[in-house]
Amino acid sequence: MVSLKDININCEIIEPKIIKFIQNNINNAHLRGAVVAASGGIDSAVTLHLTVKAIGAENVTVITMPERDITPERDIMDVMLHCEQLNLTCNTVDITSILHVMQQSLPNYDHKDRIASGNIRSRMRMIIAYHYANKEHKMVMGTSNKTELLTGFFTKYGDGGVDLMPLADLYKHNIRQLAKYLKIPQNIIDKAPSPGFYVGQTDEAELGCDYNTVDLIIHLWEKGHINSEISDKLNIPIQTVNSIIYRIKANEHKRRLPLILRLS
């Protein structure tokens, strides 16, 4: 029987590896620190926590970028409380007015098109993060995990537009393990993951199943099992497996650099 135990990590071993990765890359780039965009979710909280451990709070710039009437007040408060725990001052940039300008300026803008309008939000946050990074000579930290990257649950050149991805080889289940190990505030650990593009949006509703199931599907797929075998081993509908595997294959272009036409 396949279970989450099959993808467990040893946090005592993984934590120093992540810390060293962050330290080495920032030092090798001769930069002064890191910028972390904090959403109030578990991935950015773990990234922020480990970045502070790696280079010190004095070298970390944290930004939260809420949108009025969309971002839950709870998310903003969770970011602030976590920053207080880490002895950080959080920079707040409300993106509402910037989005209004974009909406008024872009032809054929349709707020009902949740993919297009949501990606604008994510790319706007990327621009703001790099504004801070450029001004302060710092690196932008990515917060995506392996599950999100493989299923394409991120915005290309949005939250995917970063300098370092310290969590990108860890399943969502592993992020929860690290969060508990690091004593991330329980409010953040228990919260339903969401990109925050519209009120009530959750990752798992859009993926069509819970993250634990997605993690195990990916685990078995990477081991070479075909869809029907994965369905049988996990005792889940074949349609669920097909949907997740389709996402992995269809979103490959988001995980690689632009293709180059080689002329010689």
Protein backbone atom coordinates (compact mmCIF):
# COMPACT_ATOMS: atom_id res chain seq x y z
CA MET A 1 0.00 0.00 0.00
CA VAL A 2 1.38 3.42 -0.99
CA SER A 3 1.17 6.13 1.66
CA LEU A 4 2.61 9.51 2.53
CA LYS A 5 5.29 7.72 4.56
CA ASP A 6 6.86 6.80 1.22
CA ILE A 7 7.63 10.46 0.49
CA ASN A 8 8.53 11.61 4.01
CA ILE A 9 11.72 13.59 4.51
CA ASN A 10 14.09 13.90 7.44
CA CYS A 11 13.78 17.59 8.30
CA GLU A 12 17.00 17.56 10.34
CA ILE A 13 18.89 16.60 7.17
CA ILE A 14 16.94 18.73 4.69
CA GLU A 15 16.97 22.01 6.65
CA PRO A 16 20.77 22.54 6.59
CA LYS A 17 20.87 21.62 2.88
CA ILE A 18 18.34 24.35 2.09
CA ILE A 19 20.16 26.86 4.27
CA LYS A 20 23.49 26.12 2.58
CA PHE A 21 21.87 26.38 -0.87
CA ILE A 22 20.54 29.85 -0.05
CA GLN A 23 23.79 31.03 1.49
CA ASN A 24 26.00 29.76 -1.34
CA ASN A 25 23.91 31.21 -4.15
CA ILE A 26 23.57 34.66 -2.59
CA ASN A 27 27.28 34.77 -1.74
CA ASN A 28 28.32 33.57 -5.20
CA ALA A 29 26.20 36.29 -6.79
CA HIS A 30 27.89 38.91 -4.56
CA LEU A 31 24.50 40.23 -3.48
CA ARG A 32 23.42 41.66 -0.13
CA GLY A 33 20.54 39.41 0.78
CA ALA A 34 17.14 38.20 -0.33
CA VAL A 35 13.61 39.40 -1.05
CA VAL A 36 10.70 37.17 -0.06
CA ALA A 37 7.11 37.82 -1.14
CA ALA A 38 4.95 36.58 1.75
CA SER A 39 1.33 35.71 1.04
CA GLY A 40 0.28 34.28 4.38
CA GLY A 41 0.48 30.77 2.94
CA ILE A 42 2.61 27.85 4.07
CA ASP A 43 5.10 27.86 1.16
CA SER A 44 6.12 31.49 1.52
CA ALA A 45 6.21 31.12 5.31
CA VAL A 46 8.63 28.19 5.13
CA THR A 47 10.74 30.00 2.52
CA LEU A 48 10.87 33.13 4.65
CA HIS A 49 11.76 31.20 7.81
CA LEU A 50 14.61 29.31 6.15
CA THR A 51 15.92 32.42 4.40
CA VAL A 52 16.16 34.24 7.72
CA LYS A 53 17.98 31.24 9.20
CA ALA A 54 20.36 31.23 6.26
CA ILE A 55 21.37 34.89 6.04
CA GLY A 56 19.91 36.66 9.07
CA ALA A 57 16.84 38.87 9.45
CA GLU A 58 18.90 42.01 8.76
CA ASN A 59 19.56 40.77 5.22
CA VAL A 60 16.00 39.78 4.34
CA THR A 61 13.38 42.06 2.82
CA VAL A 62 9.85 40.73 3.14
CA ILE A 63 6.93 42.13 1.17
CA THR A 64 3.25 41.32 1.32
CA MET A 65 1.14 42.51 -1.60
CA PRO A 66 -2.57 42.35 -0.81
CA GLU A 67 -5.45 43.31 -3.06
CA ARG A 68 -8.35 45.16 -1.48
CA ASP A 69 -11.56 43.08 -1.17
CA ILE A 70 -9.74 39.97 -2.41
CA THR A 71 -6.90 39.21 0.02
CA PRO A 72 -8.33 37.90 3.33
CA GLU A 73 -7.47 40.02 6.36
CA ARG A 74 -6.37 36.80 8.03
CA ASP A 75 -3.57 36.39 5.46
CA ILE A 76 -2.21 39.86 6.15
CA MET A 77 -2.33 39.30 9.90
CA ASP A 78 -0.61 35.91 9.57
CA VAL A 79 2.24 37.50 7.61
CA MET A 80 2.65 40.23 10.21
CA LEU A 81 2.64 37.80 13.13
CA HIS A 82 5.16 35.53 11.45
CA CYS A 83 7.41 38.51 10.66
CA GLU A 84 7.19 39.58 14.30
CA GLN A 85 8.26 36.09 15.31
CA LEU A 86 11.29 36.38 13.01
CA ASN A 87 12.15 39.94 14.09
CA LEU A 88 11.33 41.31 10.64
CA THR A 89 9.58 44.46 9.49
CA CYS A 90 7.15 43.67 6.69
CA ASN A 91 6.75 45.98 3.70
CA THR A 92 3.15 46.23 2.49
CA VAL A 93 2.34 47.20 -1.11
CA ASP A 94 -1.37 47.30 -1.91
CA ILE A 95 -1.65 46.32 -5.60
CA THR A 96 -5.30 47.38 -5.99
CA SER A 97 -4.67 50.78 -7.59
CA ILE A 98 -1.99 49.36 -9.90
CA LEU A 99 -4.39 46.67 -11.06
CA HIS A 100 -7.08 49.29 -11.76
CA VAL A 101 -4.68 51.09 -14.09
CA MET A 102 -3.86 47.82 -15.85
CA GLN A 103 -7.53 46.94 -16.20
CA GLN A 104 -8.35 50.34 -17.67
CA SER A 105 -5.39 50.28 -20.04
CA LEU A 106 -5.49 46.72 -21.37
CA PRO A 107 -7.67 46.07 -24.43
CA ASN A 108 -10.31 43.36 -24.04
CA TYR A 109 -9.70 43.06 -20.30
CA ASP A 110 -12.31 40.76 -18.77
CA HIS A 111 -12.41 40.33 -15.00
CA LYS A 112 -14.44 37.13 -15.51
CA ASP A 113 -11.44 35.54 -17.24
CA ARG A 114 -9.86 34.24 -14.04
CA ILE A 115 -6.74 32.85 -15.70
CA ALA A 116 -5.77 36.01 -17.58
CA SER A 117 -6.70 38.41 -14.78
CA GLY A 118 -5.13 36.18 -12.13
CA ASN A 119 -1.85 35.98 -14.02
CA ILE A 120 -1.74 39.78 -14.22
CA ARG A 121 -1.89 39.87 -10.41
CA SER A 122 0.94 37.36 -10.09
CA ARG A 123 3.14 39.14 -12.63
CA MET A 124 2.50 42.48 -10.96
CA ARG A 125 3.75 41.03 -7.69
CA MET A 126 6.85 39.75 -9.48
CA ILE A 127 7.59 43.25 -10.80
CA ILE A 128 7.29 44.70 -7.30
CA ALA A 129 9.54 42.02 -5.81
CA TYR A 130 12.22 42.75 -8.40
CA HIS A 131 11.89 46.47 -7.79
CA TYR A 132 12.96 45.84 -4.19
CA ALA A 133 15.63 43.34 -5.25
CA ASN A 134 17.20 45.71 -7.79
CA LYS A 135 17.16 48.69 -5.41
CA GLU A 136 18.68 46.70 -2.55
CA HIS A 137 20.98 44.39 -4.56
CA LYS A 138 19.25 41.23 -3.41
CA MET A 139 17.94 37.97 -4.85
CA VAL A 140 14.25 37.14 -5.22
CA MET A 141 13.37 33.90 -3.46
CA GLY A 142 10.92 31.50 -5.07
CA THR A 143 8.32 29.82 -2.87
CA SER A 144 6.99 27.13 -5.23
CA ASN A 145 7.13 23.47 -4.28
CA LYS A 146 7.56 20.40 -6.51
CA THR A 147 3.84 19.62 -6.63
CA GLU A 148 2.96 23.11 -7.87
CA LEU A 149 5.77 23.17 -10.42
CA LEU A 150 4.93 19.80 -11.95
CA THR A 151 1.18 20.47 -12.17
CA GLY A 152 1.76 23.97 -13.54
CA PHE A 153 0.05 25.56 -10.56
CA PHE A 154 2.07 28.75 -10.82
CA THR A 155 2.28 31.74 -13.14
CA LYS A 156 5.03 31.76 -15.73
CA TYR A 157 7.04 34.96 -15.16
CA GLY A 158 4.85 35.62 -12.13
CA ASP A 159 5.50 33.64 -8.96
CA GLY A 160 7.63 31.47 -11.26
CA GLY A 161 9.83 34.47 -12.09
CA VAL A 162 12.45 34.24 -9.34
CA ASP A 163 16.18 33.75 -8.75
CA LEU A 164 16.21 30.79 -6.35
CA MET A 165 13.76 27.95 -5.70
CA PRO A 166 14.87 26.28 -2.46
CA LEU A 167 11.66 24.24 -2.03
CA ALA A 168 11.19 23.11 -5.62
CA ASP A 169 12.25 19.49 -5.05
CA LEU A 170 9.87 18.99 -2.12
CA TYR A 171 6.27 17.77 -2.32
CA LYS A 172 3.52 19.79 -0.66
CA HIS A 173 3.45 17.10 2.04
CA ASN A 174 7.14 17.80 2.73
CA ILE A 175 6.44 21.53 3.07
CA ARG A 176 3.93 20.72 5.81
CA GLN A 177 6.57 18.56 7.50
CA LEU A 178 9.08 21.40 7.40
CA ALA A 179 6.50 23.91 8.62
CA LYS A 180 5.80 21.83 11.72
CA TYR A 181 9.51 21.24 12.31
CA LEU A 182 10.22 25.00 12.03
CA LYS A 183 7.25 25.80 14.29
CA ILE A 184 5.55 27.97 11.68
CA PRO A 185 2.35 29.48 13.21
CA GLN A 186 -0.41 26.87 13.21
CA ASN A 187 -2.84 29.28 11.52
CA ILE A 188 -0.63 29.20 8.44
CA ILE A 189 -0.14 25.43 8.48
CA ASP A 190 -3.89 24.75 8.73
CA LYS A 191 -4.93 27.23 6.04
CA ALA A 192 -6.29 25.98 2.71
CA PRO A 193 -3.68 26.86 0.04
CA SER A 194 -4.83 29.47 -2.47
CA PRO A 195 -3.29 31.67 -5.19
CA GLY A 196 -5.56 34.46 -3.97
CA PHE A 197 -6.79 35.52 -7.40
CA TYR A 198 -10.44 35.68 -6.32
CA VAL A 199 -12.50 35.26 -3.16
CA GLY A 200 -12.91 31.64 -2.10
CA GLN A 201 -10.32 30.22 -4.49
CA THR A 202 -8.38 27.16 -3.31
CA ASP A 203 -5.65 25.12 -4.96
CA GLU A 204 -7.27 21.77 -4.25
CA ALA A 205 -10.65 22.76 -5.71
CA GLU A 206 -8.94 23.70 -8.98
CA LEU A 207 -6.73 20.61 -9.02
CA GLY A 208 -9.76 18.40 -8.48
CA CYS A 209 -8.33 16.51 -5.50
CA ASP A 210 -6.39 17.07 -2.30
CA TYR A 211 -2.64 17.70 -2.28
CA ASN A 212 -1.85 14.40 -0.54
CA THR A 213 -3.40 12.55 -3.47
CA VAL A 214 -1.60 14.71 -6.03
CA ASP A 215 1.72 14.09 -4.26
CA LEU A 216 1.25 10.33 -4.38
CA ILE A 217 0.16 10.39 -8.02
CA ILE A 218 3.34 12.29 -8.91
CA HIS A 219 5.45 9.96 -6.76
CA LEU A 220 4.19 6.87 -8.58
CA TRP A 221 4.34 8.54 -12.01
CA GLU A 222 7.99 9.43 -11.44
CA LYS A 223 8.66 5.79 -10.58
CA GLY A 224 7.37 4.81 -14.01
CA HIS A 225 3.88 3.54 -13.21
CA ILE A 226 1.23 4.00 -15.87
CA ASN A 227 -2.06 5.76 -15.12
CA SER A 228 -4.11 2.61 -14.58
CA GLU A 229 -1.54 1.23 -12.14
CA ILE A 230 -1.54 4.50 -10.19
CA SER A 231 -5.34 4.41 -10.04
CA ASP A 232 -5.29 0.87 -8.67
CA LYS A 233 -2.50 1.47 -6.16
CA LEU A 234 -4.17 4.58 -4.72
CA ASN A 235 -7.74 3.32 -5.14
CA ILE A 236 -8.83 6.51 -6.87
CA PRO A 237 -10.74 7.10 -10.14
CA ILE A 238 -8.65 6.85 -13.30
CA GLN A 239 -10.08 10.23 -14.34
CA THR A 240 -8.34 11.86 -11.36
CA VAL A 241 -5.00 10.33 -12.34
CA ASN A 242 -5.45 11.26 -16.00
CA SER A 243 -6.21 14.86 -15.04
CA ILE A 244 -3.05 15.28 -12.94
CA ILE A 245 -0.77 13.55 -15.47
CA TYR A 246 -2.25 15.69 -18.23
CA ARG A 247 -1.42 18.81 -16.20
CA ILE A 248 2.19 17.66 -15.79
CA LYS A 249 2.68 17.11 -19.51
CA ALA A 250 0.72 20.14 -20.71
CA ASN A 251 2.64 22.52 -18.43
CA GLU A 252 6.14 21.38 -19.33
CA HIS A 253 6.71 24.64 -21.24
CA LYS A 254 6.27 26.59 -18.00
CA ARG A 255 9.14 24.75 -16.34
CA ARG A 256 11.82 25.35 -18.96
CA LEU A 257 13.63 28.28 -20.51
CA PRO A 258 12.31 29.52 -23.87
CA LEU A 259 13.30 27.25 -26.74
CA ILE A 260 16.02 28.58 -29.02
CA LEU A 261 16.18 27.92 -32.75
CA ARG A 262 19.77 26.77 -33.35
CA LEU A 263 20.88 27.82 -36.82
CA SER A 264 24.25 26.09 -36.82
